[in-house]
Amino acid sequence: MRSTRRRTWALLVAAAVVTGLLAPVAVSAANRAGSRPAAPRTPKPEPSGAECRTSVEGSTVTAYCHNPYPATDVVRLHTECARWWDVDADGAAVAVQPGRTVKLEDRCWKEVGRAWVSHSADA
């Protein structure tokens, strides 16, 4: 009699475990069957923006930006000087036409802390 009870409980526990594992699969399949058609995917944006190479020599920063894409890119050189009393600078915005290269320059009185180029699409 005891072995029958154990077998019954073992079968009930196994059935509960299997049901618990299969329930999410059944719910997922039901959701997919009743869902609306998938919305069309948004197209990937075309690559854009000039590619810039920045170099620092002493206290001078030079950046060459080349735009291989069909849209105009507006670039600006930012220079952060290492000394606290040296004035940091944000250069003028320069439009880089498609297929063109521009040279951006700036300097610090002493050492350059860091320099980078920002981009925007406004021409």
N, C-alpha and C. Protein backbone atom coordinates (compact mmCIF):
# COMPACT_ATOMS: atom_id res chain seq x y z
N MET A 1 0.82 -1.19 0.00
CA MET A 1 0.00 0.00 0.00
C MET A 1 0.86 1.26 0.00
N ARG A 2 1.95 1.23 0.79
CA ARG A 2 2.80 2.41 0.87
C ARG A 2 3.51 2.69 -0.45
N SER A 3 3.93 1.65 -1.16
CA SER A 3 4.62 1.87 -2.43
C SER A 3 3.67 2.48 -3.46
N THR A 4 2.40 2.17 -3.41
CA THR A 4 1.42 2.76 -4.32
C THR A 4 1.26 4.24 -4.03
N ARG A 5 1.21 4.61 -2.74
CA ARG A 5 1.09 6.03 -2.39
C ARG A 5 2.32 6.81 -2.85
N ARG A 6 3.50 6.22 -2.61
CA ARG A 6 4.72 6.90 -3.05
C ARG A 6 4.74 7.08 -4.55
N ARG A 7 4.34 6.03 -5.25
CA ARG A 7 4.31 6.10 -6.71
C ARG A 7 3.32 7.17 -7.17
N THR A 8 2.17 7.24 -6.54
CA THR A 8 1.16 8.24 -6.88
C THR A 8 1.68 9.65 -6.64
N TRP A 9 2.29 9.87 -5.48
CA TRP A 9 2.86 11.20 -5.18
C TRP A 9 3.98 11.55 -6.16
N ALA A 10 4.82 10.58 -6.49
CA ALA A 10 5.91 10.82 -7.44
C ALA A 10 5.35 11.20 -8.81
N LEU A 11 4.31 10.51 -9.25
CA LEU A 11 3.69 10.83 -10.53
C LEU A 11 3.02 12.22 -10.49
N LEU A 12 2.38 12.57 -9.38
CA LEU A 12 1.75 13.89 -9.25
C LEU A 12 2.82 15.00 -9.28
N VAL A 13 3.92 14.81 -8.57
CA VAL A 13 4.99 15.81 -8.56
C VAL A 13 5.60 15.94 -9.95
N ALA A 14 5.83 14.82 -10.62
CA ALA A 14 6.39 14.86 -11.97
C ALA A 14 5.45 15.58 -12.93
N ALA A 15 4.15 15.32 -12.81
CA ALA A 15 3.18 15.99 -13.67
C ALA A 15 3.16 17.50 -13.41
N ALA A 16 3.27 17.88 -12.13
CA ALA A 16 3.28 19.31 -11.80
C ALA A 16 4.52 19.99 -12.36
N VAL A 17 5.67 19.33 -12.28
CA VAL A 17 6.91 19.90 -12.82
C VAL A 17 6.82 20.05 -14.32
N VAL A 18 6.34 19.04 -15.00
CA VAL A 18 6.22 19.10 -16.46
C VAL A 18 5.24 20.20 -16.87
N THR A 19 4.12 20.33 -16.15
CA THR A 19 3.15 21.38 -16.44
C THR A 19 3.78 22.75 -16.23
N GLY A 20 4.54 22.91 -15.16
CA GLY A 20 5.19 24.19 -14.89
C GLY A 20 6.21 24.56 -15.95
N LEU A 21 6.87 23.56 -16.51
CA LEU A 21 7.86 23.83 -17.56
C LEU A 21 7.21 24.11 -18.91
N LEU A 22 6.08 23.46 -19.20
CA LEU A 22 5.44 23.62 -20.50
C LEU A 22 4.47 24.80 -20.57
N ALA A 23 4.03 25.32 -19.45
CA ALA A 23 3.06 26.41 -19.45
C ALA A 23 3.59 27.66 -20.17
N PRO A 24 4.82 28.12 -19.92
CA PRO A 24 5.30 29.30 -20.65
C PRO A 24 5.38 29.09 -22.15
N VAL A 25 5.71 27.86 -22.56
CA VAL A 25 5.78 27.56 -24.00
C VAL A 25 4.40 27.65 -24.61
N ALA A 26 3.38 27.12 -23.93
CA ALA A 26 2.01 27.16 -24.44
C ALA A 26 1.50 28.60 -24.50
N VAL A 27 1.81 29.40 -23.49
CA VAL A 27 1.36 30.80 -23.48
C VAL A 27 2.04 31.57 -24.61
N SER A 28 3.31 31.32 -24.82
CA SER A 28 4.03 32.00 -25.89
C SER A 28 3.46 31.63 -27.26
N ALA A 29 3.17 30.35 -27.46
CA ALA A 29 2.59 29.91 -28.74
C ALA A 29 1.21 30.52 -28.94
N ALA A 30 0.42 30.63 -27.88
CA ALA A 30 -0.91 31.23 -28.01
C ALA A 30 -0.80 32.71 -28.35
N ASN A 31 0.15 33.40 -27.76
CA ASN A 31 0.34 34.81 -28.08
C ASN A 31 0.76 35.01 -29.52
N ARG A 32 1.64 34.14 -30.01
CA ARG A 32 2.09 34.27 -31.40
C ARG A 32 0.96 33.96 -32.38
N ALA A 33 0.11 33.00 -32.04
CA ALA A 33 -0.98 32.62 -32.93
C ALA A 33 -2.02 33.74 -33.02
N GLY A 34 -2.25 34.46 -31.93
CA GLY A 34 -3.28 35.50 -31.94
C GLY A 34 -2.73 36.90 -32.17
N SER A 35 -1.47 37.03 -32.43
CA SER A 35 -0.90 38.38 -32.58
C SER A 35 -1.16 38.94 -33.97
N ARG A 36 -1.05 40.24 -34.03
CA ARG A 36 -1.23 40.94 -35.31
C ARG A 36 0.00 40.71 -36.18
N PRO A 37 -0.12 40.99 -37.48
CA PRO A 37 1.06 40.86 -38.33
C PRO A 37 2.15 41.84 -37.87
N ALA A 38 3.36 41.42 -38.03
CA ALA A 38 4.49 42.24 -37.57
C ALA A 38 4.54 43.56 -38.34
N ALA A 39 4.83 44.62 -37.61
CA ALA A 39 4.96 45.94 -38.25
C ALA A 39 6.22 45.94 -39.11
N PRO A 40 6.19 46.69 -40.19
CA PRO A 40 7.39 46.74 -41.04
C PRO A 40 8.55 47.35 -40.26
N ARG A 41 9.72 46.79 -40.47
CA ARG A 41 10.89 47.28 -39.77
C ARG A 41 11.32 48.63 -40.32
N THR A 42 11.80 49.47 -39.43
CA THR A 42 12.28 50.77 -39.88
C THR A 42 13.61 50.57 -40.57
N PRO A 43 13.83 51.29 -41.66
CA PRO A 43 15.08 51.12 -42.38
C PRO A 43 16.26 51.63 -41.55
N LYS A 44 17.39 51.00 -41.73
CA LYS A 44 18.59 51.45 -41.03
C LYS A 44 19.03 52.79 -41.62
N PRO A 45 19.43 53.71 -40.75
CA PRO A 45 19.89 54.99 -41.29
C PRO A 45 21.19 54.82 -42.07
N GLU A 46 21.33 55.61 -43.10
CA GLU A 46 22.56 55.55 -43.89
C GLU A 46 23.70 56.11 -43.06
N PRO A 47 24.87 55.56 -43.22
CA PRO A 47 26.01 56.10 -42.48
C PRO A 47 26.30 57.53 -42.92
N SER A 48 26.69 58.33 -41.98
CA SER A 48 27.01 59.72 -42.30
C SER A 48 28.01 60.24 -41.30
N GLY A 49 28.58 61.37 -41.58
CA GLY A 49 29.53 61.99 -40.67
C GLY A 49 30.95 61.85 -41.17
N ALA A 50 31.69 62.90 -41.02
CA ALA A 50 33.07 62.91 -41.45
C ALA A 50 33.92 62.06 -40.52
N GLU A 51 34.96 61.47 -41.08
CA GLU A 51 35.92 60.70 -40.30
C GLU A 51 37.07 61.64 -39.98
N CYS A 52 37.39 61.78 -38.69
CA CYS A 52 38.40 62.76 -38.27
C CYS A 52 39.60 62.07 -37.63
N ARG A 53 40.79 62.57 -37.96
CA ARG A 53 42.03 62.14 -37.33
C ARG A 53 42.61 63.34 -36.59
N THR A 54 42.82 63.20 -35.31
CA THR A 54 43.32 64.30 -34.48
C THR A 54 44.72 63.96 -34.00
N SER A 55 45.63 64.95 -34.09
CA SER A 55 46.98 64.75 -33.58
C SER A 55 47.39 65.95 -32.75
N VAL A 56 48.24 65.68 -31.74
CA VAL A 56 48.74 66.73 -30.86
C VAL A 56 50.26 66.72 -30.95
N GLU A 57 50.83 67.88 -31.27
CA GLU A 57 52.29 68.04 -31.29
C GLU A 57 52.63 69.24 -30.43
N GLY A 58 53.18 68.97 -29.26
CA GLY A 58 53.51 70.06 -28.34
C GLY A 58 52.24 70.72 -27.85
N SER A 59 52.08 71.99 -28.18
CA SER A 59 50.88 72.72 -27.74
C SER A 59 49.89 72.95 -28.88
N THR A 60 50.12 72.31 -30.02
CA THR A 60 49.26 72.50 -31.20
C THR A 60 48.43 71.25 -31.46
N VAL A 61 47.15 71.47 -31.75
CA VAL A 61 46.22 70.39 -32.09
C VAL A 61 45.83 70.56 -33.55
N THR A 62 45.90 69.46 -34.31
CA THR A 62 45.49 69.49 -35.71
C THR A 62 44.53 68.32 -35.94
N ALA A 63 43.44 68.59 -36.64
CA ALA A 63 42.47 67.54 -36.98
C ALA A 63 42.16 67.64 -38.47
N TYR A 64 42.24 66.52 -39.15
CA TYR A 64 41.83 66.42 -40.54
C TYR A 64 40.54 65.62 -40.57
N CYS A 65 39.51 66.20 -41.16
CA CYS A 65 38.21 65.53 -41.25
C CYS A 65 37.85 65.34 -42.71
N HIS A 66 37.59 64.09 -43.09
CA HIS A 66 37.19 63.76 -44.46
C HIS A 66 35.78 63.20 -44.44
N ASN A 67 34.95 63.68 -45.33
CA ASN A 67 33.55 63.25 -45.41
C ASN A 67 33.34 62.41 -46.66
N PRO A 68 33.28 61.07 -46.53
CA PRO A 68 33.06 60.22 -47.70
C PRO A 68 31.58 60.01 -48.04
N TYR A 69 30.69 60.59 -47.27
CA TYR A 69 29.26 60.34 -47.44
C TYR A 69 28.57 61.47 -48.23
N PRO A 70 27.37 61.22 -48.76
CA PRO A 70 26.71 62.22 -49.60
C PRO A 70 26.08 63.40 -48.85
N ALA A 71 26.03 63.35 -47.53
CA ALA A 71 25.43 64.44 -46.75
C ALA A 71 26.53 65.32 -46.15
N THR A 72 26.25 66.61 -46.05
CA THR A 72 27.21 67.54 -45.44
C THR A 72 27.25 67.33 -43.94
N ASP A 73 28.46 67.37 -43.37
CA ASP A 73 28.64 67.23 -41.93
C ASP A 73 29.28 68.51 -41.41
N VAL A 74 28.88 68.94 -40.24
CA VAL A 74 29.46 70.14 -39.63
C VAL A 74 30.30 69.67 -38.45
N VAL A 75 31.59 70.02 -38.49
CA VAL A 75 32.53 69.58 -37.45
C VAL A 75 33.04 70.79 -36.68
N ARG A 76 33.47 70.51 -35.45
CA ARG A 76 34.00 71.57 -34.59
C ARG A 76 35.09 70.96 -33.70
N LEU A 77 36.25 71.61 -33.64
CA LEU A 77 37.37 71.13 -32.83
C LEU A 77 37.27 71.72 -31.42
N HIS A 78 37.40 70.85 -30.42
CA HIS A 78 37.37 71.27 -29.02
C HIS A 78 38.73 70.94 -28.41
N THR A 79 39.34 71.92 -27.75
CA THR A 79 40.65 71.73 -27.15
C THR A 79 40.57 72.05 -25.66
N GLU A 80 41.04 71.11 -24.86
CA GLU A 80 41.09 71.30 -23.41
C GLU A 80 42.56 71.34 -23.01
N CYS A 81 43.00 72.47 -22.48
CA CYS A 81 44.40 72.65 -22.11
C CYS A 81 44.68 72.02 -20.74
N ALA A 82 45.93 71.58 -20.54
CA ALA A 82 46.31 70.88 -19.32
C ALA A 82 46.39 71.82 -18.12
N ARG A 83 46.83 73.04 -18.32
CA ARG A 83 47.00 73.98 -17.21
C ARG A 83 45.68 74.66 -16.88
N TRP A 84 45.42 74.90 -15.62
CA TRP A 84 44.16 75.48 -15.20
C TRP A 84 44.01 76.92 -15.69
N TRP A 85 45.11 77.63 -15.87
CA TRP A 85 45.04 79.03 -16.28
C TRP A 85 45.01 79.19 -17.80
N ASP A 86 45.22 78.09 -18.52
CA ASP A 86 45.21 78.14 -19.98
C ASP A 86 43.77 78.01 -20.46
N VAL A 87 43.36 78.85 -21.38
CA VAL A 87 41.97 78.92 -21.82
C VAL A 87 41.63 77.75 -22.75
N ASP A 88 40.59 76.98 -22.40
CA ASP A 88 40.10 75.93 -23.29
C ASP A 88 39.38 76.60 -24.46
N ALA A 89 39.32 75.89 -25.59
CA ALA A 89 38.75 76.51 -26.78
C ALA A 89 37.80 75.57 -27.49
N ASP A 90 36.74 76.14 -28.03
CA ASP A 90 35.83 75.46 -28.94
C ASP A 90 35.93 76.19 -30.26
N GLY A 91 36.46 75.50 -31.27
CA GLY A 91 36.66 76.14 -32.57
C GLY A 91 35.36 76.43 -33.28
N ALA A 92 35.49 77.17 -34.36
CA ALA A 92 34.32 77.51 -35.18
C ALA A 92 33.80 76.27 -35.90
N ALA A 93 32.50 76.25 -36.14
CA ALA A 93 31.89 75.14 -36.87
C ALA A 93 32.25 75.25 -38.35
N VAL A 94 32.67 74.13 -38.93
CA VAL A 94 33.08 74.10 -40.33
C VAL A 94 32.28 73.02 -41.04
N ALA A 95 31.67 73.38 -42.16
CA ALA A 95 30.90 72.42 -42.95
C ALA A 95 31.85 71.62 -43.84
N VAL A 96 31.72 70.30 -43.77
CA VAL A 96 32.53 69.42 -44.61
C VAL A 96 31.61 68.87 -45.69
N GLN A 97 31.81 69.33 -46.90
CA GLN A 97 30.99 68.89 -48.02
C GLN A 97 31.32 67.45 -48.39
N PRO A 98 30.43 66.75 -49.10
CA PRO A 98 30.70 65.36 -49.51
C PRO A 98 31.98 65.27 -50.34
N GLY A 99 32.82 64.32 -49.98
CA GLY A 99 34.06 64.09 -50.73
C GLY A 99 35.16 65.10 -50.43
N ARG A 100 35.01 65.93 -49.43
CA ARG A 100 35.99 66.96 -49.10
C ARG A 100 36.71 66.65 -47.79
N THR A 101 37.87 67.29 -47.61
CA THR A 101 38.64 67.19 -46.38
C THR A 101 38.91 68.59 -45.87
N VAL A 102 38.75 68.79 -44.57
CA VAL A 102 39.06 70.09 -43.97
C VAL A 102 40.12 69.89 -42.89
N LYS A 103 40.86 70.97 -42.63
CA LYS A 103 41.89 70.96 -41.59
C LYS A 103 41.47 71.92 -40.49
N LEU A 104 41.44 71.43 -39.26
CA LEU A 104 41.09 72.25 -38.11
C LEU A 104 42.32 72.34 -37.21
N GLU A 105 42.62 73.55 -36.72
CA GLU A 105 43.78 73.73 -35.87
C GLU A 105 43.43 74.57 -34.65
N ASP A 106 44.12 74.32 -33.56
CA ASP A 106 43.98 75.11 -32.34
C ASP A 106 45.25 74.90 -31.53
N ARG A 107 45.42 75.69 -30.47
CA ARG A 107 46.61 75.54 -29.64
C ARG A 107 46.34 75.99 -28.22
N CYS A 108 47.22 75.55 -27.33
CA CYS A 108 47.25 76.00 -25.94
C CYS A 108 48.58 76.74 -25.75
N TRP A 109 48.69 77.50 -24.68
CA TRP A 109 49.96 78.16 -24.39
C TRP A 109 50.99 77.13 -23.96
N LYS A 110 50.56 76.14 -23.20
CA LYS A 110 51.46 75.07 -22.74
C LYS A 110 50.93 73.75 -23.29
N GLU A 111 50.81 72.74 -22.44
CA GLU A 111 50.42 71.39 -22.88
C GLU A 111 48.92 71.29 -23.17
N VAL A 112 48.62 70.37 -24.08
CA VAL A 112 47.23 70.06 -24.41
C VAL A 112 46.79 68.92 -23.52
N GLY A 113 45.65 69.09 -22.84
CA GLY A 113 45.10 68.03 -22.00
C GLY A 113 44.42 66.97 -22.86
N ARG A 114 43.47 67.39 -23.67
CA ARG A 114 42.80 66.50 -24.62
C ARG A 114 42.14 67.32 -25.69
N ALA A 115 41.84 66.68 -26.79
CA ALA A 115 41.19 67.35 -27.92
C ALA A 115 40.26 66.36 -28.61
N TRP A 116 39.14 66.86 -29.10
CA TRP A 116 38.18 66.01 -29.80
C TRP A 116 37.40 66.84 -30.81
N VAL A 117 36.71 66.14 -31.69
CA VAL A 117 35.91 66.77 -32.73
C VAL A 117 34.46 66.35 -32.53
N SER A 118 33.56 67.34 -32.55
CA SER A 118 32.13 67.03 -32.46
C SER A 118 31.49 67.21 -33.85
N HIS A 119 30.39 66.52 -34.05
CA HIS A 119 29.70 66.52 -35.35
C HIS A 119 28.26 66.95 -35.18
N SER A 120 27.73 67.60 -36.20
CA SER A 120 26.29 67.88 -36.26
C SER A 120 25.88 67.89 -37.72
N ALA A 121 24.60 67.72 -37.98
CA ALA A 121 24.12 67.66 -39.35
C ALA A 121 23.69 69.02 -39.88
N ASP A 122 23.66 70.06 -39.02
CA ASP A 122 23.24 71.37 -39.47
C ASP A 122 24.31 72.00 -40.34
N ALA A 123 23.91 72.43 -41.52
CA ALA A 123 24.88 73.04 -42.43
C ALA A 123 24.77 74.53 -42.45
